[in-house]
Amino acid sequence: MCGKLSHFDSSGNAVMVDVSEKEITRRTAVARGYISVNDQVMAAVLSGTAKKGDVLGVARVAGIMAVKNTSSLIPMCHTLLIHKCSVDFQVDEDRGWIWAECTVRVDGKTGVEMEALTGVSVALLTIYDMCKALDRSMALHNIHLVKKTGGKSGDYYNDLMPETAPAKETNLAAEAAPVPEGDADD
């Protein structure tokens, strides 16, 4: 990768990139990562018996909320009107891995890579938080950008990461219990 970093001015000061002259294009980013868990956590997640509730349902909502708030967390990110965001999970029971994948789409002047990476990270951190009473040795791994499309720099596909999908896939998006409805605060 060549060129200068765009988040610094000529004096070396951190700045937000000026995107005012860029064209609006459809931009999509997909990020992925996993958390390694012990058998007790895996059983609680799959059976829905974790004391704090539906682990993957809450982690999904946390990941989506993180995407919407990325510009509040990462100093030089632009505030974006997100058009689509999904967080999905796959389980590799044999290895004790729970994968999260976040897809973000926007029509805008800047990309959504940071939003997708933030969504995956917070979804996995939420799994850790909800299950830490069962296993404090859980670890997050391999959080990375899988692909991005749109924008001046064009499409990017990350084929450099080692094994980025579980050996035995179980799509829990359709199997996850719904988030219980409660009183809405206005």
N, C-alpha and C. Protein backbone atom coordinates (compact mmCIF):
# COMPACT_ATOMS: atom_id res chain seq x y z
N MET A 1 0.84 -1.18 0.00
CA MET A 1 0.00 0.00 0.00
C MET A 1 0.88 1.23 0.00
N CYS A 2 0.67 2.11 -0.95
CA CYS A 2 1.47 3.32 -1.08
C CYS A 2 0.61 4.54 -0.80
N GLY A 3 1.27 5.64 -0.56
CA GLY A 3 0.55 6.90 -0.39
C GLY A 3 0.63 7.38 1.03
N LYS A 4 0.09 8.59 1.21
CA LYS A 4 0.13 9.17 2.55
C LYS A 4 -1.17 8.87 3.30
N LEU A 5 -1.09 8.94 4.59
CA LEU A 5 -2.27 8.74 5.42
C LEU A 5 -3.15 9.98 5.31
N SER A 6 -4.44 9.76 5.12
CA SER A 6 -5.34 10.88 4.86
C SER A 6 -5.89 11.54 6.11
N HIS A 7 -5.62 10.99 7.28
CA HIS A 7 -6.14 11.57 8.52
C HIS A 7 -5.17 12.54 9.19
N PHE A 8 -4.17 13.00 8.43
CA PHE A 8 -3.22 13.98 8.96
C PHE A 8 -3.05 15.10 7.95
N ASP A 9 -2.95 16.32 8.46
CA ASP A 9 -2.70 17.45 7.55
C ASP A 9 -1.20 17.59 7.31
N SER A 10 -0.82 18.62 6.57
CA SER A 10 0.59 18.80 6.20
C SER A 10 1.48 19.07 7.40
N SER A 11 0.90 19.49 8.53
CA SER A 11 1.67 19.73 9.76
C SER A 11 1.68 18.52 10.68
N GLY A 12 1.01 17.45 10.27
CA GLY A 12 0.98 16.24 11.10
C GLY A 12 -0.15 16.21 12.12
N ASN A 13 -1.08 17.16 12.03
CA ASN A 13 -2.22 17.18 12.94
C ASN A 13 -3.31 16.21 12.47
N ALA A 14 -3.95 15.55 13.42
CA ALA A 14 -5.05 14.66 13.09
C ALA A 14 -6.24 15.48 12.61
N VAL A 15 -6.82 15.07 11.49
CA VAL A 15 -7.97 15.77 10.92
C VAL A 15 -8.98 14.75 10.39
N MET A 16 -10.23 15.19 10.28
CA MET A 16 -11.24 14.38 9.61
C MET A 16 -11.09 14.63 8.11
N VAL A 17 -11.11 13.57 7.32
CA VAL A 17 -10.95 13.69 5.88
C VAL A 17 -12.13 14.47 5.30
N ASP A 18 -11.83 15.38 4.38
CA ASP A 18 -12.86 16.15 3.69
C ASP A 18 -13.40 15.31 2.55
N VAL A 19 -14.66 14.88 2.66
CA VAL A 19 -15.28 14.05 1.62
C VAL A 19 -16.29 14.84 0.78
N SER A 20 -16.31 16.15 0.95
CA SER A 20 -17.34 16.96 0.30
C SER A 20 -17.31 16.88 -1.23
N GLU A 21 -16.16 16.63 -1.82
CA GLU A 21 -16.06 16.56 -3.28
C GLU A 21 -16.22 15.14 -3.83
N LYS A 22 -16.36 14.16 -2.97
CA LYS A 22 -16.50 12.78 -3.43
C LYS A 22 -17.91 12.53 -3.97
N GLU A 23 -18.01 11.56 -4.86
CA GLU A 23 -19.30 11.15 -5.41
C GLU A 23 -20.01 10.23 -4.42
N ILE A 24 -21.33 10.31 -4.41
CA ILE A 24 -22.12 9.37 -3.62
C ILE A 24 -22.20 8.07 -4.40
N THR A 25 -21.79 6.97 -3.76
CA THR A 25 -21.87 5.64 -4.38
C THR A 25 -22.40 4.66 -3.35
N ARG A 26 -22.89 3.54 -3.82
CA ARG A 26 -23.32 2.44 -2.95
C ARG A 26 -22.07 1.80 -2.38
N ARG A 27 -21.98 1.71 -1.08
CA ARG A 27 -20.80 1.15 -0.42
C ARG A 27 -21.24 0.07 0.56
N THR A 28 -20.55 -1.03 0.52
CA THR A 28 -20.86 -2.16 1.39
C THR A 28 -19.56 -2.66 2.01
N ALA A 29 -19.64 -3.08 3.26
CA ALA A 29 -18.49 -3.72 3.92
C ALA A 29 -18.98 -4.92 4.71
N VAL A 30 -18.17 -5.96 4.71
CA VAL A 30 -18.44 -7.16 5.49
C VAL A 30 -17.21 -7.43 6.34
N ALA A 31 -17.43 -7.63 7.63
CA ALA A 31 -16.35 -7.96 8.56
C ALA A 31 -16.73 -9.23 9.31
N ARG A 32 -15.71 -9.93 9.78
CA ARG A 32 -15.95 -11.20 10.45
C ARG A 32 -14.91 -11.40 11.55
N GLY A 33 -15.26 -12.18 12.55
CA GLY A 33 -14.35 -12.58 13.60
C GLY A 33 -15.02 -13.63 14.45
N TYR A 34 -14.27 -14.20 15.40
CA TYR A 34 -14.89 -15.22 16.25
C TYR A 34 -14.39 -15.11 17.68
N ILE A 35 -15.17 -15.73 18.58
CA ILE A 35 -14.80 -15.83 19.98
C ILE A 35 -14.66 -17.31 20.30
N SER A 36 -13.59 -17.67 20.98
CA SER A 36 -13.40 -19.06 21.40
C SER A 36 -13.98 -19.20 22.81
N VAL A 37 -14.77 -20.26 23.00
CA VAL A 37 -15.47 -20.47 24.26
C VAL A 37 -15.30 -21.91 24.72
N ASN A 38 -15.55 -22.15 25.99
CA ASN A 38 -15.48 -23.52 26.49
C ASN A 38 -16.80 -24.25 26.24
N ASP A 39 -16.85 -25.53 26.56
CA ASP A 39 -18.04 -26.35 26.30
C ASP A 39 -19.25 -25.85 27.08
N GLN A 40 -19.03 -25.35 28.29
CA GLN A 40 -20.14 -24.87 29.11
C GLN A 40 -20.80 -23.65 28.47
N VAL A 41 -20.01 -22.73 27.98
CA VAL A 41 -20.55 -21.54 27.30
C VAL A 41 -21.27 -21.96 26.03
N MET A 42 -20.64 -22.83 25.25
CA MET A 42 -21.25 -23.27 24.00
C MET A 42 -22.62 -23.89 24.27
N ALA A 43 -22.70 -24.74 25.28
CA ALA A 43 -23.98 -25.38 25.60
C ALA A 43 -25.02 -24.35 26.04
N ALA A 44 -24.62 -23.37 26.84
CA ALA A 44 -25.56 -22.34 27.30
C ALA A 44 -26.06 -21.48 26.15
N VAL A 45 -25.16 -21.14 25.23
CA VAL A 45 -25.55 -20.32 24.08
C VAL A 45 -26.51 -21.10 23.17
N LEU A 46 -26.17 -22.35 22.86
CA LEU A 46 -26.98 -23.13 21.95
C LEU A 46 -28.33 -23.52 22.54
N SER A 47 -28.38 -23.73 23.85
CA SER A 47 -29.65 -24.14 24.48
C SER A 47 -30.46 -22.95 24.97
N GLY A 48 -29.87 -21.77 24.95
CA GLY A 48 -30.58 -20.58 25.42
C GLY A 48 -30.73 -20.52 26.92
N THR A 49 -29.78 -21.13 27.65
CA THR A 49 -29.91 -21.19 29.11
C THR A 49 -28.95 -20.27 29.86
N ALA A 50 -28.29 -19.35 29.17
CA ALA A 50 -27.40 -18.41 29.86
C ALA A 50 -28.24 -17.55 30.80
N LYS A 51 -27.72 -17.28 31.99
CA LYS A 51 -28.48 -16.55 32.99
C LYS A 51 -28.89 -15.15 32.55
N LYS A 52 -28.08 -14.53 31.70
CA LYS A 52 -28.39 -13.16 31.27
C LYS A 52 -29.35 -13.11 30.09
N GLY A 53 -29.79 -14.26 29.59
CA GLY A 53 -30.77 -14.27 28.51
C GLY A 53 -30.24 -14.79 27.20
N ASP A 54 -30.91 -14.40 26.12
CA ASP A 54 -30.60 -14.84 24.76
C ASP A 54 -29.30 -14.19 24.31
N VAL A 55 -28.21 -14.90 24.43
CA VAL A 55 -26.88 -14.34 24.18
C VAL A 55 -26.75 -13.82 22.75
N LEU A 56 -27.10 -14.62 21.78
CA LEU A 56 -26.90 -14.18 20.39
C LEU A 56 -27.89 -13.10 19.98
N GLY A 57 -29.09 -13.14 20.52
CA GLY A 57 -30.06 -12.08 20.23
C GLY A 57 -29.59 -10.74 20.76
N VAL A 58 -29.08 -10.73 21.97
CA VAL A 58 -28.57 -9.49 22.56
C VAL A 58 -27.30 -9.04 21.83
N ALA A 59 -26.43 -9.99 21.50
CA ALA A 59 -25.19 -9.66 20.79
C ALA A 59 -25.49 -9.06 19.42
N ARG A 60 -26.53 -9.58 18.75
CA ARG A 60 -26.93 -9.04 17.45
C ARG A 60 -27.35 -7.58 17.59
N VAL A 61 -28.21 -7.30 18.57
CA VAL A 61 -28.67 -5.92 18.78
C VAL A 61 -27.49 -5.02 19.15
N ALA A 62 -26.60 -5.50 20.01
CA ALA A 62 -25.42 -4.70 20.40
C ALA A 62 -24.54 -4.38 19.19
N GLY A 63 -24.34 -5.36 18.30
CA GLY A 63 -23.55 -5.13 17.10
C GLY A 63 -24.17 -4.08 16.20
N ILE A 64 -25.48 -4.15 16.02
CA ILE A 64 -26.18 -3.17 15.18
C ILE A 64 -26.10 -1.78 15.82
N MET A 65 -26.30 -1.71 17.13
CA MET A 65 -26.18 -0.42 17.81
C MET A 65 -24.78 0.16 17.68
N ALA A 66 -23.77 -0.70 17.75
CA ALA A 66 -22.39 -0.25 17.61
C ALA A 66 -22.14 0.33 16.22
N VAL A 67 -22.68 -0.33 15.20
CA VAL A 67 -22.54 0.18 13.83
C VAL A 67 -23.09 1.60 13.75
N LYS A 68 -24.28 1.79 14.32
CA LYS A 68 -24.93 3.10 14.26
C LYS A 68 -24.18 4.17 15.05
N ASN A 69 -23.32 3.76 15.97
CA ASN A 69 -22.59 4.71 16.82
C ASN A 69 -21.09 4.73 16.58
N THR A 70 -20.63 4.17 15.50
CA THR A 70 -19.19 4.09 15.23
C THR A 70 -18.52 5.45 15.26
N SER A 71 -19.16 6.46 14.69
CA SER A 71 -18.52 7.79 14.65
C SER A 71 -18.36 8.39 16.05
N SER A 72 -19.10 7.89 17.02
CA SER A 72 -18.92 8.35 18.40
C SER A 72 -17.76 7.64 19.09
N LEU A 73 -17.34 6.51 18.54
CA LEU A 73 -16.29 5.69 19.15
C LEU A 73 -14.93 5.88 18.49
N ILE A 74 -14.92 6.04 17.17
CA ILE A 74 -13.68 6.17 16.41
C ILE A 74 -13.56 7.63 16.00
N PRO A 75 -12.57 8.34 16.51
CA PRO A 75 -12.53 9.81 16.40
C PRO A 75 -12.67 10.40 15.01
N MET A 76 -12.09 9.82 13.99
CA MET A 76 -12.10 10.47 12.67
C MET A 76 -13.14 9.90 11.72
N CYS A 77 -14.03 9.05 12.22
CA CYS A 77 -15.08 8.50 11.36
C CYS A 77 -16.19 9.53 11.14
N HIS A 78 -16.72 9.51 9.92
CA HIS A 78 -17.85 10.38 9.60
C HIS A 78 -19.14 9.76 10.12
N THR A 79 -20.10 10.59 10.45
CA THR A 79 -21.43 10.12 10.81
C THR A 79 -22.15 9.74 9.52
N LEU A 80 -22.67 8.53 9.47
CA LEU A 80 -23.30 8.03 8.24
C LEU A 80 -24.74 7.63 8.48
N LEU A 81 -25.56 7.77 7.45
CA LEU A 81 -26.93 7.29 7.47
C LEU A 81 -26.89 5.86 6.94
N ILE A 82 -26.92 4.90 7.84
CA ILE A 82 -26.79 3.49 7.49
C ILE A 82 -28.10 3.01 6.84
N HIS A 83 -27.98 2.36 5.69
CA HIS A 83 -29.16 1.84 4.99
C HIS A 83 -29.45 0.39 5.36
N LYS A 84 -28.41 -0.38 5.65
CA LYS A 84 -28.59 -1.79 6.00
C LYS A 84 -27.50 -2.19 6.96
N CYS A 85 -27.90 -2.98 7.93
CA CYS A 85 -26.92 -3.57 8.84
C CYS A 85 -27.46 -4.91 9.30
N SER A 86 -26.64 -5.93 9.20
CA SER A 86 -27.02 -7.24 9.73
C SER A 86 -25.83 -7.82 10.48
N VAL A 87 -26.14 -8.54 11.53
CA VAL A 87 -25.13 -9.28 12.29
C VAL A 87 -25.63 -10.71 12.38
N ASP A 88 -24.85 -11.63 11.86
CA ASP A 88 -25.22 -13.04 11.85
C ASP A 88 -24.16 -13.86 12.55
N PHE A 89 -24.58 -15.03 13.02
CA PHE A 89 -23.68 -15.90 13.78
C PHE A 89 -23.64 -17.28 13.16
N GLN A 90 -22.47 -17.91 13.27
CA GLN A 90 -22.27 -19.30 12.88
C GLN A 90 -21.46 -19.94 14.00
N VAL A 91 -21.75 -21.20 14.24
CA VAL A 91 -21.10 -21.91 15.33
C VAL A 91 -20.29 -23.08 14.81
N ASP A 92 -19.08 -23.21 15.32
CA ASP A 92 -18.25 -24.39 15.08
C ASP A 92 -18.10 -25.06 16.45
N GLU A 93 -19.02 -25.96 16.74
CA GLU A 93 -19.02 -26.63 18.06
C GLU A 93 -17.75 -27.42 18.30
N ASP A 94 -17.21 -28.06 17.26
CA ASP A 94 -16.02 -28.89 17.41
C ASP A 94 -14.83 -28.09 17.91
N ARG A 95 -14.68 -26.86 17.43
CA ARG A 95 -13.56 -26.01 17.84
C ARG A 95 -13.90 -25.09 19.00
N GLY A 96 -15.18 -24.94 19.32
CA GLY A 96 -15.58 -24.02 20.38
C GLY A 96 -15.53 -22.57 19.92
N TRP A 97 -15.90 -22.34 18.66
CA TRP A 97 -15.85 -20.99 18.09
C TRP A 97 -17.26 -20.51 17.76
N ILE A 98 -17.53 -19.27 18.08
CA ILE A 98 -18.76 -18.61 17.64
C ILE A 98 -18.34 -17.45 16.75
N TRP A 99 -18.70 -17.54 15.48
CA TRP A 99 -18.34 -16.51 14.49
C TRP A 99 -19.42 -15.45 14.44
N ALA A 100 -19.03 -14.22 14.28
CA ALA A 100 -19.96 -13.11 14.00
C ALA A 100 -19.56 -12.52 12.66
N GLU A 101 -20.56 -12.17 11.88
CA GLU A 101 -20.32 -11.49 10.61
C GLU A 101 -21.25 -10.30 10.53
N CYS A 102 -20.70 -9.15 10.22
CA CYS A 102 -21.47 -7.91 10.13
C CYS A 102 -21.38 -7.36 8.72
N THR A 103 -22.55 -7.08 8.14
CA THR A 103 -22.64 -6.48 6.82
C THR A 103 -23.30 -5.11 6.96
N VAL A 104 -22.68 -4.11 6.36
CA VAL A 104 -23.19 -2.74 6.45
C VAL A 104 -23.24 -2.15 5.04
N ARG A 105 -24.34 -1.44 4.74
CA ARG A 105 -24.48 -0.79 3.43
C ARG A 105 -24.93 0.65 3.61
N VAL A 106 -24.42 1.50 2.75
CA VAL A 106 -24.77 2.92 2.75
C VAL A 106 -24.63 3.45 1.33
N ASP A 107 -25.38 4.46 1.00
CA ASP A 107 -25.13 5.25 -0.20
C ASP A 107 -24.52 6.54 0.31
N GLY A 108 -23.23 6.71 0.09
CA GLY A 108 -22.58 7.87 0.67
C GLY A 108 -21.25 8.19 0.03
N LYS A 109 -20.53 9.09 0.68
CA LYS A 109 -19.26 9.59 0.17
C LYS A 109 -18.06 8.95 0.85
N THR A 110 -18.29 8.08 1.81
CA THR A 110 -17.21 7.41 2.51
C THR A 110 -17.64 6.00 2.86
N GLY A 111 -16.67 5.13 3.03
CA GLY A 111 -16.95 3.71 3.23
C GLY A 111 -17.42 3.35 4.62
N VAL A 112 -17.81 2.08 4.77
CA VAL A 112 -18.38 1.60 6.03
C VAL A 112 -17.55 0.46 6.63
N GLU A 113 -16.26 0.41 6.30
CA GLU A 113 -15.40 -0.63 6.86
C GLU A 113 -15.33 -0.56 8.38
N MET A 114 -15.15 0.65 8.91
CA MET A 114 -15.03 0.79 10.36
C MET A 114 -16.33 0.40 11.05
N GLU A 115 -17.45 0.69 10.42
CA GLU A 115 -18.74 0.32 11.00
C GLU A 115 -18.88 -1.20 11.08
N ALA A 116 -18.52 -1.90 10.01
CA ALA A 116 -18.61 -3.36 10.01
C ALA A 116 -17.66 -3.98 11.03
N LEU A 117 -16.44 -3.47 11.10
CA LEU A 117 -15.48 -3.99 12.09
C LEU A 117 -15.92 -3.71 13.52
N THR A 118 -16.50 -2.54 13.75
CA THR A 118 -17.00 -2.20 15.08
C THR A 118 -18.18 -3.09 15.45
N GLY A 119 -19.07 -3.34 14.49
CA GLY A 119 -20.23 -4.21 14.75
C GLY A 119 -19.82 -5.61 15.17
N VAL A 120 -18.85 -6.19 14.45
CA VAL A 120 -18.35 -7.53 14.80
C VAL A 120 -17.71 -7.51 16.19
N SER A 121 -16.88 -6.52 16.44
CA SER A 121 -16.16 -6.45 17.72
C SER A 121 -17.12 -6.36 18.90
N VAL A 122 -18.12 -5.50 18.79
CA VAL A 122 -19.05 -5.31 19.90
C VAL A 122 -19.97 -6.52 20.05
N ALA A 123 -20.36 -7.15 18.96
CA ALA A 123 -21.16 -8.37 19.07
C ALA A 123 -20.39 -9.45 19.83
N LEU A 124 -19.11 -9.62 19.50
CA LEU A 124 -18.30 -10.63 20.20
C LEU A 124 -18.04 -10.24 21.65
N LEU A 125 -17.80 -8.97 21.90
CA LEU A 125 -17.61 -8.51 23.28
C LEU A 125 -18.87 -8.73 24.11
N THR A 126 -20.02 -8.60 23.48
CA THR A 126 -21.29 -8.83 24.19
C THR A 126 -21.43 -10.30 24.57
N ILE A 127 -21.02 -11.20 23.69
CA ILE A 127 -21.03 -12.62 24.05
C ILE A 127 -20.14 -12.84 25.26
N TYR A 128 -18.95 -12.24 25.24
CA TYR A 128 -18.05 -12.36 26.39
C TYR A 128 -18.74 -11.85 27.66
N ASP A 129 -19.31 -10.66 27.59
CA ASP A 129 -19.94 -10.07 28.77
C ASP A 129 -21.06 -10.94 29.31
N MET A 130 -21.87 -11.49 28.44
CA MET A 130 -23.02 -12.27 28.88
C MET A 130 -22.63 -13.65 29.41
N CYS A 131 -21.44 -14.13 29.07
CA CYS A 131 -21.04 -15.49 29.46
C CYS A 131 -19.82 -15.54 30.36
N LYS A 132 -19.30 -14.39 30.78
CA LYS A 132 -18.04 -14.39 31.53
C LYS A 132 -18.14 -15.13 32.86
N ALA A 133 -19.33 -15.27 33.44
CA ALA A 133 -19.48 -16.04 34.68
C ALA A 133 -19.17 -17.52 34.44
N LEU A 134 -19.31 -17.97 33.19
CA LEU A 134 -19.04 -19.37 32.87
C LEU A 134 -17.61 -19.61 32.39
N ASP A 135 -16.98 -18.57 31.84
CA ASP A 135 -15.64 -18.75 31.27
C ASP A 135 -14.99 -17.39 31.05
N ARG A 136 -14.04 -17.04 31.89
CA ARG A 136 -13.33 -15.76 31.72
C ARG A 136 -12.15 -15.89 30.76
N SER A 137 -11.89 -17.09 30.26
CA SER A 137 -10.77 -17.27 29.34
C SER A 137 -11.19 -17.17 27.87
N MET A 138 -12.43 -16.78 27.61
CA MET A 138 -12.85 -16.58 26.23
C MET A 138 -11.94 -15.55 25.57
N ALA A 139 -11.72 -15.70 24.27
CA ALA A 139 -10.85 -14.75 23.56
C ALA A 139 -11.44 -14.44 22.20
N LEU A 140 -11.26 -13.20 21.76
CA LEU A 140 -11.68 -12.76 20.43
C LEU A 140 -10.53 -12.98 19.46
N HIS A 141 -10.87 -13.43 18.24
CA HIS A 141 -9.85 -13.77 17.25
C HIS A 141 -10.23 -13.31 15.86
N ASN A 142 -9.21 -13.04 15.05
CA ASN A 142 -9.35 -12.95 13.61
C ASN A 142 -10.39 -11.92 13.15
N ILE A 143 -10.54 -10.83 13.87
CA ILE A 143 -11.47 -9.78 13.45
C ILE A 143 -10.85 -9.07 12.26
N HIS A 144 -11.57 -9.09 11.13
CA HIS A 144 -10.98 -8.56 9.91
C HIS A 144 -12.05 -8.18 8.90
N LEU A 145 -11.65 -7.32 7.97
CA LEU A 145 -12.50 -6.94 6.86
C LEU A 145 -12.46 -8.07 5.83
N VAL A 146 -13.62 -8.59 5.47
CA VAL A 146 -13.72 -9.65 4.47
C VAL A 146 -13.79 -9.05 3.08
N LYS A 147 -14.63 -8.01 2.93
CA LYS A 147 -14.72 -7.35 1.64
C LYS A 147 -15.33 -5.98 1.80
N LYS A 148 -15.07 -5.14 0.80
CA LYS A 148 -15.72 -3.84 0.72
C LYS A 148 -15.94 -3.55 -0.75
N THR A 149 -17.06 -2.90 -1.04
CA THR A 149 -17.36 -2.54 -2.42
C THR A 149 -17.73 -1.07 -2.48
N GLY A 150 -17.53 -0.48 -3.64
CA GLY A 150 -17.90 0.90 -3.88
C GLY A 150 -16.79 1.87 -3.58
N GLY A 151 -17.03 3.12 -3.95
CA GLY A 151 -16.06 4.17 -3.70
C GLY A 151 -14.99 4.25 -4.77
N LYS A 152 -14.18 5.28 -4.65
CA LYS A 152 -13.13 5.58 -5.63
C LYS A 152 -12.08 4.47 -5.71
N SER A 153 -11.76 3.86 -4.57
CA SER A 153 -10.72 2.83 -4.58
C SER A 153 -11.23 1.48 -5.08
N GLY A 154 -12.53 1.35 -5.31
CA GLY A 154 -13.08 0.12 -5.87
C GLY A 154 -13.28 -0.97 -4.84
N ASP A 155 -13.40 -2.17 -5.34
CA ASP A 155 -13.72 -3.31 -4.49
C ASP A 155 -12.45 -3.91 -3.89
N TYR A 156 -12.62 -4.51 -2.71
CA TYR A 156 -11.52 -5.15 -2.01
C TYR A 156 -12.04 -6.48 -1.45
N TYR A 157 -11.31 -7.53 -1.67
CA TYR A 157 -11.64 -8.85 -1.13
C TYR A 157 -10.42 -9.36 -0.38
N ASN A 158 -10.61 -9.71 0.86
CA ASN A 158 -9.50 -10.14 1.70
C ASN A 158 -9.33 -11.65 1.57
N ASP A 159 -8.39 -12.07 0.77
CA ASP A 159 -8.10 -13.49 0.63
C ASP A 159 -6.81 -13.88 1.35
N LEU A 160 -6.34 -12.98 2.22
CA LEU A 160 -5.09 -13.22 2.93
C LEU A 160 -5.27 -13.86 4.29
N MET A 161 -6.50 -13.84 4.81
CA MET A 161 -6.72 -14.36 6.15
C MET A 161 -6.83 -15.88 6.11
N PRO A 162 -6.23 -16.55 7.08
CA PRO A 162 -6.38 -18.00 7.14
C PRO A 162 -7.82 -18.34 7.53
N GLU A 163 -8.24 -19.50 7.22
CA GLU A 163 -9.59 -20.03 7.48
C GLU A 163 -10.53 -19.02 8.13
N THR A 164 -11.42 -18.48 7.34
CA THR A 164 -12.33 -17.46 7.83
C THR A 164 -13.77 -17.93 7.91
N ALA A 165 -13.98 -19.21 7.83
CA ALA A 165 -15.33 -19.74 8.00
C ALA A 165 -15.24 -21.04 8.78
N PRO A 166 -16.23 -21.31 9.58
CA PRO A 166 -16.21 -22.52 10.39
C PRO A 166 -16.20 -23.78 9.53
N ALA A 167 -15.60 -24.84 10.08
CA ALA A 167 -15.59 -26.12 9.39
C ALA A 167 -17.00 -26.69 9.33
N LYS A 168 -17.75 -26.53 10.40
CA LYS A 168 -19.11 -27.04 10.48
C LYS A 168 -20.01 -25.84 10.74
N GLU A 169 -20.76 -25.43 9.72
CA GLU A 169 -21.56 -24.22 9.85
C GLU A 169 -22.94 -24.53 10.41
N THR A 170 -23.36 -23.71 11.34
CA THR A 170 -24.72 -23.72 11.85
C THR A 170 -25.17 -22.29 11.83
N ASN A 171 -26.11 -21.96 10.96
CA ASN A 171 -26.59 -20.59 10.88
C ASN A 171 -27.63 -20.39 11.97
N LEU A 172 -27.27 -19.59 12.96
CA LEU A 172 -28.16 -19.38 14.08
C LEU A 172 -29.09 -18.19 13.88
N ALA A 173 -28.96 -17.48 12.76
CA ALA A 173 -29.82 -16.32 12.53
C ALA A 173 -31.28 -16.74 12.54
N ALA A 174 -31.59 -17.84 11.90
CA ALA A 174 -32.98 -18.29 11.83
C ALA A 174 -33.40 -19.00 13.11
N GLU A 175 -32.44 -19.57 13.84
CA GLU A 175 -32.75 -20.35 15.03
C GLU A 175 -32.76 -19.53 16.31
N ALA A 176 -32.19 -18.34 16.28
CA ALA A 176 -32.07 -17.55 17.49
C ALA A 176 -33.44 -17.16 18.03
N ALA A 177 -33.58 -17.22 19.32
CA ALA A 177 -34.84 -16.84 19.96
C ALA A 177 -35.07 -15.36 19.76
N PRO A 178 -36.33 -14.94 19.59
CA PRO A 178 -36.58 -13.51 19.43
C PRO A 178 -36.28 -12.75 20.71
N VAL A 179 -35.90 -11.50 20.54
CA VAL A 179 -35.65 -10.64 21.70
C VAL A 179 -37.00 -10.35 22.33
N PRO A 180 -37.16 -10.58 23.66
CA PRO A 180 -38.44 -10.36 24.29
C PRO A 180 -38.87 -8.91 24.19
N GLU A 181 -40.19 -8.72 23.98
CA GLU A 181 -40.71 -7.37 23.91
C GLU A 181 -40.94 -6.85 25.31
N GLY A 182 -40.64 -5.59 25.51
CA GLY A 182 -40.86 -4.95 26.81
C GLY A 182 -41.51 -3.62 26.60
N ASP A 183 -41.62 -2.86 27.65
CA ASP A 183 -42.16 -1.52 27.54
C ASP A 183 -41.15 -0.66 26.82
N ALA A 184 -41.60 0.03 25.79
CA ALA A 184 -40.71 0.92 25.04
C ALA A 184 -40.62 2.26 25.73
N ASP A 185 -39.39 2.73 25.86
CA ASP A 185 -39.18 4.09 26.38
C ASP A 185 -39.14 5.04 25.20
N ASP A 186 -39.88 6.12 25.28
CA ASP A 186 -39.86 7.10 24.18
C ASP A 186 -38.78 8.10 24.36
